[in-house]
PDB file of N, CA and C in Angstrom:
ATOM      1  N   MET A   1     113.407 103.708  97.205  1.00  0.00           N
ATOM      2  CA  MET A   1     111.910 103.024  96.913  1.00  0.00           C
ATOM      3  C   MET A   1     111.833 102.497  95.361  1.00  0.00           C
ATOM      4  N   THR A   2     111.283 101.509  95.513  1.00  0.00           N
ATOM      5  CA  THR A   2     111.267 100.800  94.503  1.00  0.00           C
ATOM      6  C   THR A   2     109.530 100.617  93.936  1.00  0.00           C
ATOM      7  N   GLU A   3     109.059 100.387  92.277  1.00  0.00           N
ATOM      8  CA  GLU A   3     107.880 100.538  92.146  1.00  0.00           C
ATOM      9  C   GLU A   3     107.286  99.236  91.657  1.00  0.00           C
ATOM     10  N   TYR A   4     105.917  98.856  92.460  1.00  0.00           N
ATOM     11  CA  TYR A   4     106.135  97.581  92.018  1.00  0.00           C
ATOM     12  C   TYR A   4     104.613  97.781  91.157  1.00  0.00           C
ATOM     13  N   SER A   5     104.527  96.744  90.269  1.00  0.00           N
ATOM     14  CA  SER A   5     103.276  97.006  89.159  1.00  0.00           C
ATOM     15  C   SER A   5     102.034  95.726  90.075  1.00  0.00           C
ATOM     16  N   PHE A   6     100.819  95.955  89.656  1.00  0.00           N
ATOM     17  CA  PHE A   6     100.045  95.075  90.705  1.00  0.00           C
ATOM     18  C   PHE A   6      98.705  94.952  89.391  1.00  0.00           C
ATOM     19  N   ILE A   7      97.940  93.756  89.236  1.00  0.00           N
ATOM     20  CA  ILE A   7      96.921  93.898  88.374  1.00  0.00           C
ATOM     21  C   ILE A   7      95.581  93.107  88.991  1.00  0.00           C
ATOM     22  N   CYS A   8      94.734  93.864  89.506  1.00  0.00           N
ATOM     23  CA  CYS A   8      93.474  93.478  89.627  1.00  0.00           C
ATOM     24  C   CYS A   8      92.884  92.525  88.990  1.00  0.00           C
ATOM     25  N   ASP A   9      93.037  91.256  88.770  1.00  0.00           N
ATOM     26  CA  ASP A   9      92.543  90.394  87.473  1.00  0.00           C
ATOM     27  C   ASP A   9      91.040  90.642  87.675  1.00  0.00           C
ATOM     28  N   LYS A  10      91.059  90.235  86.353  1.00  0.00           N
ATOM     29  CA  LYS A  10      89.412  90.023  86.617  1.00  0.00           C
ATOM     30  C   LYS A  10      88.595  88.374  86.492  1.00  0.00           C
ATOM     31  N   GLU A  11      90.022  87.252  85.899  1.00  0.00           N
ATOM     32  CA  GLU A  11      89.740  86.254  86.003  1.00  0.00           C
ATOM     33  C   GLU A  11      89.678  85.832  87.660  1.00  0.00           C
ATOM     34  N   ASP A  12      90.306  86.480  87.980  1.00  0.00           N
ATOM     35  CA  ASP A  12      89.690  85.852  89.573  1.00  0.00           C
ATOM     36  C   ASP A  12      88.597  87.500  90.096  1.00  0.00           C
ATOM     37  N   GLY A  13      87.840  87.903  89.587  1.00  0.00           N
ATOM     38  CA  GLY A  13      87.047  88.776  89.871  1.00  0.00           C
ATOM     39  C   GLY A  13      87.646  90.192  90.042  1.00  0.00           C
ATOM     40  N   GLY A  14      88.292  90.522  89.435  1.00  0.00           N
ATOM     41  CA  GLY A  14      88.253  92.115  89.848  1.00  0.00           C
ATOM     42  C   GLY A  14      88.163  93.207  88.768  1.00  0.00           C
ATOM     43  N   CYS A  15      88.640  93.933  88.711  1.00  0.00           N
ATOM     44  CA  CYS A  15      88.074  95.207  87.535  1.00  0.00           C
ATOM     45  C   CYS A  15      89.027  95.395  86.198  1.00  0.00           C
ATOM     46  N   GLY A  16      90.334  94.673  86.225  1.00  0.00           N
ATOM     47  CA  GLY A  16      91.151  94.540  85.247  1.00  0.00           C
ATOM     48  C   GLY A  16      92.307  95.703  85.588  1.00  0.00           C
ATOM     49  N   ASN A  17      91.950  96.625  86.853  1.00  0.00           N
ATOM     50  CA  ASN A  17      92.671  97.810  86.606  1.00  0.00           C
ATOM     51  C   ASN A  17      94.394  97.419  86.984  1.00  0.00           C
ATOM     52  N   VAL A  18      95.298  97.901  86.000  1.00  0.00           N
ATOM     53  CA  VAL A  18      96.889  97.962  86.660  1.00  0.00           C
ATOM     54  C   VAL A  18      97.379  99.074  86.938  1.00  0.00           C
ATOM     55  N   PHE A  19      97.884  99.010  88.172  1.00  0.00           N
ATOM     56  CA  PHE A  19      98.094 100.130  89.144  1.00  0.00           C
ATOM     57  C   PHE A  19      99.616  99.776  89.531  1.00  0.00           C
ATOM     58  N   ILE A  20     100.521 100.782  90.219  1.00  0.00           N
ATOM     59  CA  ILE A  20     101.781 101.153  90.468  1.00  0.00           C
ATOM     60  C   ILE A  20     101.664 101.293  92.008  1.00  0.00           C
ATOM     61  N   VAL A  21     102.476 100.413  92.891  1.00  0.00           N
ATOM     62  CA  VAL A  21     102.907 101.225  94.055  1.00  0.00           C
ATOM     63  C   VAL A  21     104.166 101.164  94.350  1.00  0.00           C
ATOM     64  N   THR A  22     104.482 101.990  95.069  1.00  0.00           N
ATOM     65  CA  THR A  22     105.768 102.499  95.655  1.00  0.00           C
ATOM     66  C   THR A  22     106.223 102.305  97.387  1.00  0.00           C
ATOM     67  N   MET A  23     107.218 101.234  97.406  1.00  0.00           N
ATOM     68  CA  MET A  23     107.731 101.012  98.758  1.00  0.00           C
ATOM     69  C   MET A  23     109.082 100.489  98.757  1.00  0.00           C
ATOM     70  N   ASN A  24     109.527 100.419  99.921  1.00  0.00           N
ATOM     71  CA  ASN A  24     110.729 100.273  99.947  1.00  0.00           C
ATOM     72  C   ASN A  24     111.096  98.392  99.993  1.00  0.00           C
ATOM     73  N   ARG A  25     112.000  98.033  99.259  1.00  0.00           N
ATOM     74  CA  ARG A  25     111.966  96.754  99.397  1.00  0.00           C
ATOM     75  C   ARG A  25     111.973  95.994 100.677  1.00  0.00           C
ATOM     76  N   ASN A  26     112.555  96.210 101.689  1.00  0.00           N
ATOM     77  CA  ASN A  26     112.408  95.651 102.969  1.00  0.00           C
ATOM     78  C   ASN A  26     111.058  96.323 103.576  1.00  0.00           C
ATOM     79  N   THR A  27     109.835  96.761 103.422  1.00  0.00           N
ATOM     80  CA  THR A  27     108.599  96.776 103.705  1.00  0.00           C
ATOM     81  C   THR A  27     107.764  96.354 102.608  1.00  0.00           C
ATOM     82  N   TYR A  28     108.271  95.738 101.696  1.00  0.00           N
ATOM     83  CA  TYR A  28     107.316  94.936 100.769  1.00  0.00           C
ATOM     84  C   TYR A  28     106.122  94.160 101.041  1.00  0.00           C
ATOM     85  N   THR A  29     104.824  94.190 100.459  1.00  0.00           N
ATOM     86  CA  THR A  29     104.129  93.215 100.737  1.00  0.00           C
ATOM     87  C   THR A  29     103.464  93.300  99.525  1.00  0.00           C
ATOM     88  N   SER A  30     102.601  91.899  99.202  1.00  0.00           N
ATOM     89  CA  SER A  30     102.160  91.602  97.777  1.00  0.00           C
ATOM     90  C   SER A  30     100.669  91.651  98.411  1.00  0.00           C
ATOM     91  N   HIS A  31      99.907  92.164  99.391  1.00  0.00           N
ATOM     92  CA  HIS A  31      98.774  92.269  99.886  1.00  0.00           C
ATOM     93  C   HIS A  31      98.163  93.420  99.733  1.00  0.00           C
ATOM     94  N   GLN A  32      97.700  93.723  98.381  1.00  0.00           N
ATOM     95  CA  GLN A  32      97.306  95.318  97.662  1.00  0.00           C
ATOM     96  C   GLN A  32      96.486  95.580  97.520  1.00  0.00           C
ATOM     97  N   ALA A  33      94.990  96.390  97.741  1.00  0.00           N
ATOM     98  CA  ALA A  33      94.152  96.645  97.245  1.00  0.00           C
ATOM     99  C   ALA A  33      93.880  97.470  96.441  1.00  0.00           C
ATOM    100  N   CYS A  34      93.034  97.201  95.529  1.00  0.00           N
ATOM    101  CA  CYS A  34      92.893  97.963  94.186  1.00  0.00           C
ATOM    102  C   CYS A  34      92.554  99.571  94.492  1.00  0.00           C
ATOM    103  N   PRO A  35      93.318 100.232  94.026  1.00  0.00           N
ATOM    104  CA  PRO A  35      92.611 101.626  93.941  1.00  0.00           C
ATOM    105  C   PRO A  35      91.165 101.890  93.439  1.00  0.00           C
ATOM    106  N   LYS A  36      90.941 101.682  92.159  1.00  0.00           N
ATOM    107  CA  LYS A  36      89.953 101.559  92.057  1.00  0.00           C
ATOM    108  C   LYS A  36      88.802 100.917  92.392  1.00  0.00           C
ATOM    109  N   CYS A  37      88.658  99.350  92.628  1.00  0.00           N
ATOM    110  CA  CYS A  37      87.522  98.920  93.104  1.00  0.00           C
ATOM    111  C   CYS A  37      87.679  98.103  94.568  1.00  0.00           C
ATOM    112  N   GLN A  38      88.827  98.680  94.931  1.00  0.00           N
ATOM    113  CA  GLN A  38      88.653  98.018  96.285  1.00  0.00           C
ATOM    114  C   GLN A  38      89.190  96.391  96.696  1.00  0.00           C
ATOM    115  N   GLN A  39      89.363  95.940  95.760  1.00  0.00           N
ATOM    116  CA  GLN A  39      89.244  94.734  95.456  1.00  0.00           C
ATOM    117  C   GLN A  39      90.573  93.927  96.341  1.00  0.00           C
ATOM    118  N   THR A  40      90.397  92.797  97.559  1.00  0.00           N
ATOM    119  CA  THR A  40      91.827  92.868  97.407  1.00  0.00           C
ATOM    120  C   THR A  40      92.371  91.046  97.317  1.00  0.00           C
ATOM    121  N   GLN A  41      91.434  90.185  96.947  1.00  0.00           N
ATOM    122  CA  GLN A  41      91.256  88.938  96.549  1.00  0.00           C
ATOM    123  C   GLN A  41      91.909  88.916  95.452  1.00  0.00           C
ATOM    124  N   ALA A  42      91.470  90.110  94.417  1.00  0.00           N
ATOM    125  CA  ALA A  42      92.001  89.616  93.113  1.00  0.00           C
ATOM    126  C   ALA A  42      93.063  90.102  92.738  1.00  0.00           C
ATOM    127  N   VAL A  43      93.740  90.847  93.356  1.00  0.00           N
ATOM    128  CA  VAL A  43      95.242  91.439  93.399  1.00  0.00           C
ATOM    129  C   VAL A  43      96.336  90.522  93.461  1.00  0.00           C
ATOM    130  N   HIS A  44      97.146  90.672  91.926  1.00  0.00           N
ATOM    131  CA  HIS A  44      98.307  90.206  91.923  1.00  0.00           C
ATOM    132  C   HIS A  44      99.449  90.946  91.621  1.00  0.00           C
ATOM    133  N   ARG A  45     100.886  90.311  91.758  1.00  0.00           N
ATOM    134  CA  ARG A  45     101.775  91.055  91.158  1.00  0.00           C
ATOM    135  C   ARG A  45     101.705  91.152  89.381  1.00  0.00           C
ATOM    136  N   HIS A  46     101.688  92.021  88.866  1.00  0.00           N
ATOM    137  CA  HIS A  46     101.734  91.972  87.092  1.00  0.00           C
ATOM    138  C   HIS A  46     103.213  92.284  86.992  1.00  0.00           C
ATOM    139  N   PHE A  47     104.040  91.258  86.798  1.00  0.00           N
ATOM    140  CA  PHE A  47     105.496  91.975  86.416  1.00  0.00           C
ATOM    141  C   PHE A  47     105.692  91.986  85.309  1.00  0.00           C
ATOM    142  N   GLN A  48     104.820  91.929  84.316  1.00  0.00           N
ATOM    143  CA  GLN A  48     105.636  92.675  83.059  1.00  0.00           C
ATOM    144  C   GLN A  48     105.088  93.387  82.835  1.00  0.00           C
ATOM    145  N   ASN A  49     105.325  94.805  83.331  1.00  0.00           N
ATOM    146  CA  ASN A  49     105.298  96.133  83.534  1.00  0.00           C
ATOM    147  C   ASN A  49     106.487  96.616  85.067  1.00  0.00           C
ATOM    148  N   ASP A  50     106.603  95.572  85.588  1.00  0.00           N
ATOM    149  CA  ASP A  50     108.128  95.835  86.358  1.00  0.00           C
ATOM    150  C   ASP A  50     109.401  96.494  85.223  1.00  0.00           C
ATOM    151  N   THR A  51     110.413  97.168  85.797  1.00  0.00           N
ATOM    152  CA  THR A  51     111.658  97.413  85.604  1.00  0.00           C
ATOM    153  C   THR A  51     112.861  97.142  86.236  1.00  0.00           C
ATOM    154  N   PRO A  52     113.576  96.653  86.518  1.00  0.00           N
ATOM    155  CA  PRO A  52     114.905  96.821  87.452  1.00  0.00           C
ATOM    156  C   PRO A  52     115.505  98.021  87.710  1.00  0.00           C
ATOM    157  N   THR A  53     115.563  98.015  89.005  1.00  0.00           N
ATOM    158  CA  THR A  53     115.726  99.904  89.086  1.00  0.00           C
ATOM    159  C   THR A  53     117.058  99.494  90.096  1.00  0.00           C
ATOM    160  N   ILE A  54     118.085  98.603  89.654  1.00  0.00           N
ATOM    161  CA  ILE A  54     119.378  98.799  90.537  1.00  0.00           C
ATOM    162  C   ILE A  54     120.441  99.515  90.099  1.00  0.00           C
ATOM    163  N   CYS A  55     120.825 100.672  91.036  1.00  0.00           N
ATOM    164  CA  CYS A  55     122.047 101.220  90.773  1.00  0.00           C
ATOM    165  C   CYS A  55     122.776 101.837  91.401  1.00  0.00           C
ATOM    166  N   MET A  56     124.464 101.552  90.999  1.00  0.00           N
ATOM    167  CA  MET A  56     125.311 101.533  92.007  1.00  0.00           C
ATOM    168  C   MET A  56     126.212 102.236  91.457  1.00  0.00           C
ATOM    169  N   ASP A  57     127.348 103.045  92.586  1.00  0.00           N
ATOM    170  CA  ASP A  57     127.938 104.069  92.024  1.00  0.00           C
ATOM    171  C   ASP A  57     129.394 103.263  92.002  1.00  0.00           C
ATOM    172  N   PRO A  58     130.172 103.928  91.746  1.00  0.00           N
ATOM    173  CA  PRO A  58     131.666 103.317  90.920  1.00  0.00           C
ATOM    174  C   PRO A  58     131.987 103.047  92.966  1.00  0.00           C
ATOM    175  N   GLN A  59     131.973 103.720  93.584  1.00  0.00           N
ATOM    176  CA  GLN A  59     132.253 104.130  94.945  1.00  0.00           C
ATOM    177  C   GLN A  59     132.054 103.160  95.385  1.00  0.00           C
ATOM    178  N   THR A  60     130.549 102.290  95.811  1.00  0.00           N
ATOM    179  CA  THR A  60     129.859 101.694  96.720  1.00  0.00           C
ATOM    180  C   THR A  60     130.646 100.190  95.567  1.00  0.00           C
ATOM    181  N   LEU A  61     130.837  99.862  94.434  1.00  0.00           N
ATOM    182  CA  LEU A  61     131.097  98.724  93.444  1.00  0.00           C
ATOM    183  C   LEU A  61     132.275  98.788  93.942  1.00  0.00           C
ATOM    184  N   GLY A  62     133.409  99.775  94.295  1.00  0.00           N
ATOM    185  CA  GLY A  62     135.097  99.156  94.886  1.00  0.00           C
ATOM    186  C   GLY A  62     134.787  98.855  96.184  1.00  0.00           C
ATOM    187  N   MET A  63     134.061  99.269  96.824  1.00  0.00           N
ATOM    188  CA  MET A  63     134.009  99.058  98.388  1.00  0.00           C
ATOM    189  C   MET A  63     133.656  96.889  98.359  1.00  0.00           C
ATOM    190  N   ARG A  64     132.784  97.109  97.572  1.00  0.00           N
ATOM    191  CA  ARG A  64     132.135  95.794  97.462  1.00  0.00           C
ATOM    192  C   ARG A  64     132.960  94.685  96.709  1.00  0.00           C
ATOM    193  N   ALA A  65     133.618  95.522  95.763  1.00  0.00           N
ATOM    194  CA  ALA A  65     134.817  94.126  95.418  1.00  0.00           C
ATOM    195  C   ALA A  65     135.707  93.924  96.448  1.00  0.00           C
ATOM    196  N   GLU A  66     136.329  95.381  97.413  1.00  0.00           N
ATOM    197  CA  GLU A  66     137.189  94.634  98.477  1.00  0.00           C
ATOM    198  C   GLU A  66     137.177  94.135  99.097  1.00  0.00           C
ATOM    199  N   LYS A  67     135.609  94.017  99.618  1.00  0.00           N
ATOM    200  CA  LYS A  67     135.149  93.002 100.278  1.00  0.00           C
ATOM    201  C   LYS A  67     135.111  91.355 100.018  1.00  0.00           C
ATOM    202  N   ASN A  68     134.898  91.417  98.845  1.00  0.00           N
ATOM    203  CA  ASN A  68     135.096  90.008  98.537  1.00  0.00           C
ATOM    204  C   ASN A  68     136.192  89.579  98.002  1.00  0.00           C
ATOM    205  N   LYS A  69     136.843  90.707  98.400  1.00  0.00           N
ATOM    206  CA  LYS A  69     138.672  90.414  97.496  1.00  0.00           C
ATOM    207  C   LYS A  69     138.844  90.269  96.401  1.00  0.00           C
ATOM    208  N   MET A  70     138.391  91.104  95.813  1.00  0.00           N
ATOM    209  CA  MET A  70     138.900  91.053  93.891  1.00  0.00           C
ATOM    210  C   MET A  70     140.369  91.360  94.120  1.00  0.00           C
ATOM    211  N   SER A  71     140.755  91.673  93.130  1.00  0.00           N
ATOM    212  CA  SER A  71     142.109  92.414  92.809  1.00  0.00           C
ATOM    213  C   SER A  71     141.872  93.452  92.465  1.00  0.00           C
ATOM    214  N   ARG A  72     143.037  94.372  92.523  1.00  0.00           N
ATOM    215  CA  ARG A  72     142.813  96.077  91.799  1.00  0.00           C
ATOM    216  C   ARG A  72     142.172  96.117  90.221  1.00  0.00           C
ATOM    217  N   GLU A  73     142.768  94.502  89.728  1.00  0.00           N
ATOM    218  CA  GLU A  73     142.872  95.170  88.129  1.00  0.00           C
ATOM    219  C   GLU A  73     141.506  94.697  88.213  1.00  0.00           C
ATOM    220  N   ALA A  74     140.676  93.754  88.571  1.00  0.00           N
ATOM    221  CA  ALA A  74     139.459  92.969  88.519  1.00  0.00           C
ATOM    222  C   ALA A  74     138.556  94.264  89.026  1.00  0.00           C
ATOM    223  N   GLN A  75     138.972  94.868  89.681  1.00  0.00           N
ATOM    224  CA  GLN A  75     137.978  96.418  90.417  1.00  0.00           C
ATOM    225  C   GLN A  75     137.721  97.337  89.594  1.00  0.00           C
ATOM    226  N   GLN A  76     138.822  97.779  88.955  1.00  0.00           N
ATOM    227  CA  GLN A  76     139.091  98.795  87.958  1.00  0.00           C
ATOM    228  C   GLN A  76     138.573  98.015  86.639  1.00  0.00           C
ATOM    229  N   HIS A  77     138.528  96.923  86.115  1.00  0.00           N
ATOM    230  CA  HIS A  77     137.893  96.572  85.011  1.00  0.00           C
ATOM    231  C   HIS A  77     136.496  96.610  85.301  1.00  0.00           C
ATOM    232  N   ILE A  78     135.716  96.411  86.135  1.00  0.00           N
ATOM    233  CA  ILE A  78     134.633  96.449  86.815  1.00  0.00           C
ATOM    234  C   ILE A  78     134.045  97.748  86.490  1.00  0.00           C
ATOM    235  N   THR A  79     134.860  98.516  87.191  1.00  0.00           N
ATOM    236  CA  THR A  79     134.342 100.099  87.317  1.00  0.00           C
ATOM    237  C   THR A  79     134.460 100.730  86.313  1.00  0.00           C
ATOM    238  N   GLU A  80     135.316 100.534  85.084  1.00  0.00           N
ATOM    239  CA  GLU A  80     135.294 101.254  83.890  1.00  0.00           C
ATOM    240  C   GLU A  80     134.165 100.461  83.037  1.00  0.00           C
ATOM    241  N   LYS A  81     133.645  98.982  83.205  1.00  0.00           N
ATOM    242  CA  LYS A  81     132.803  98.870  82.415  1.00  0.00           C
ATOM    243  C   LYS A  81     131.430  99.104  82.495  1.00  0.00           C
ATOM    244  N   HIS A  82     131.198  99.811  84.130  1.00  0.00           N
ATOM    245  CA  HIS A  82     129.693 100.025  84.163  1.00  0.00           C
ATOM    246  C   HIS A  82     129.848 101.888  84.314  1.00  0.00           C
ATOM    247  N   ARG A  83     131.019 102.471  83.909  1.00  0.00           N
ATOM    248  CA  ARG A  83     131.036 103.990  83.547  1.00  0.00           C
ATOM    249  C   ARG A  83     130.739 103.689  81.889  1.00  0.00           C
ATOM    250  N   GLN A  84     130.623 103.197  81.422  1.00  0.00           N
ATOM    251  CA  GLN A  84     130.327 103.362  79.658  1.00  0.00           C
ATOM    252  C   GLN A  84     128.801 103.230  79.391  1.00  0.00           C
TER     253      GLN A  84
END
C-alpha cells in the first residue's frame, strides 16, 4: 500500500484541504473526492507531501541482480551498500 497526498485546490473552487489516500499502486486513481467538502473537480495530486516508499530486502535485490546477469561481485557490492 502506498500513501498519495491530494489537495482540494482553492484556485479551482475547492476548500484547500490537503488529505492522504492509501491505495495499491496497481489500483491507483487520481479521481478522488475531498473528504471535507466532497468536491471532485478541484482535487489534484499534492506531490509536495509525497514521500517515496520503496523497500527491497537483500534477498530480493540479489534475485533481481541475478535476473539482470550481474556478476557476484556486483551483487555483493550492491547488497552491502544497501545494508548500511
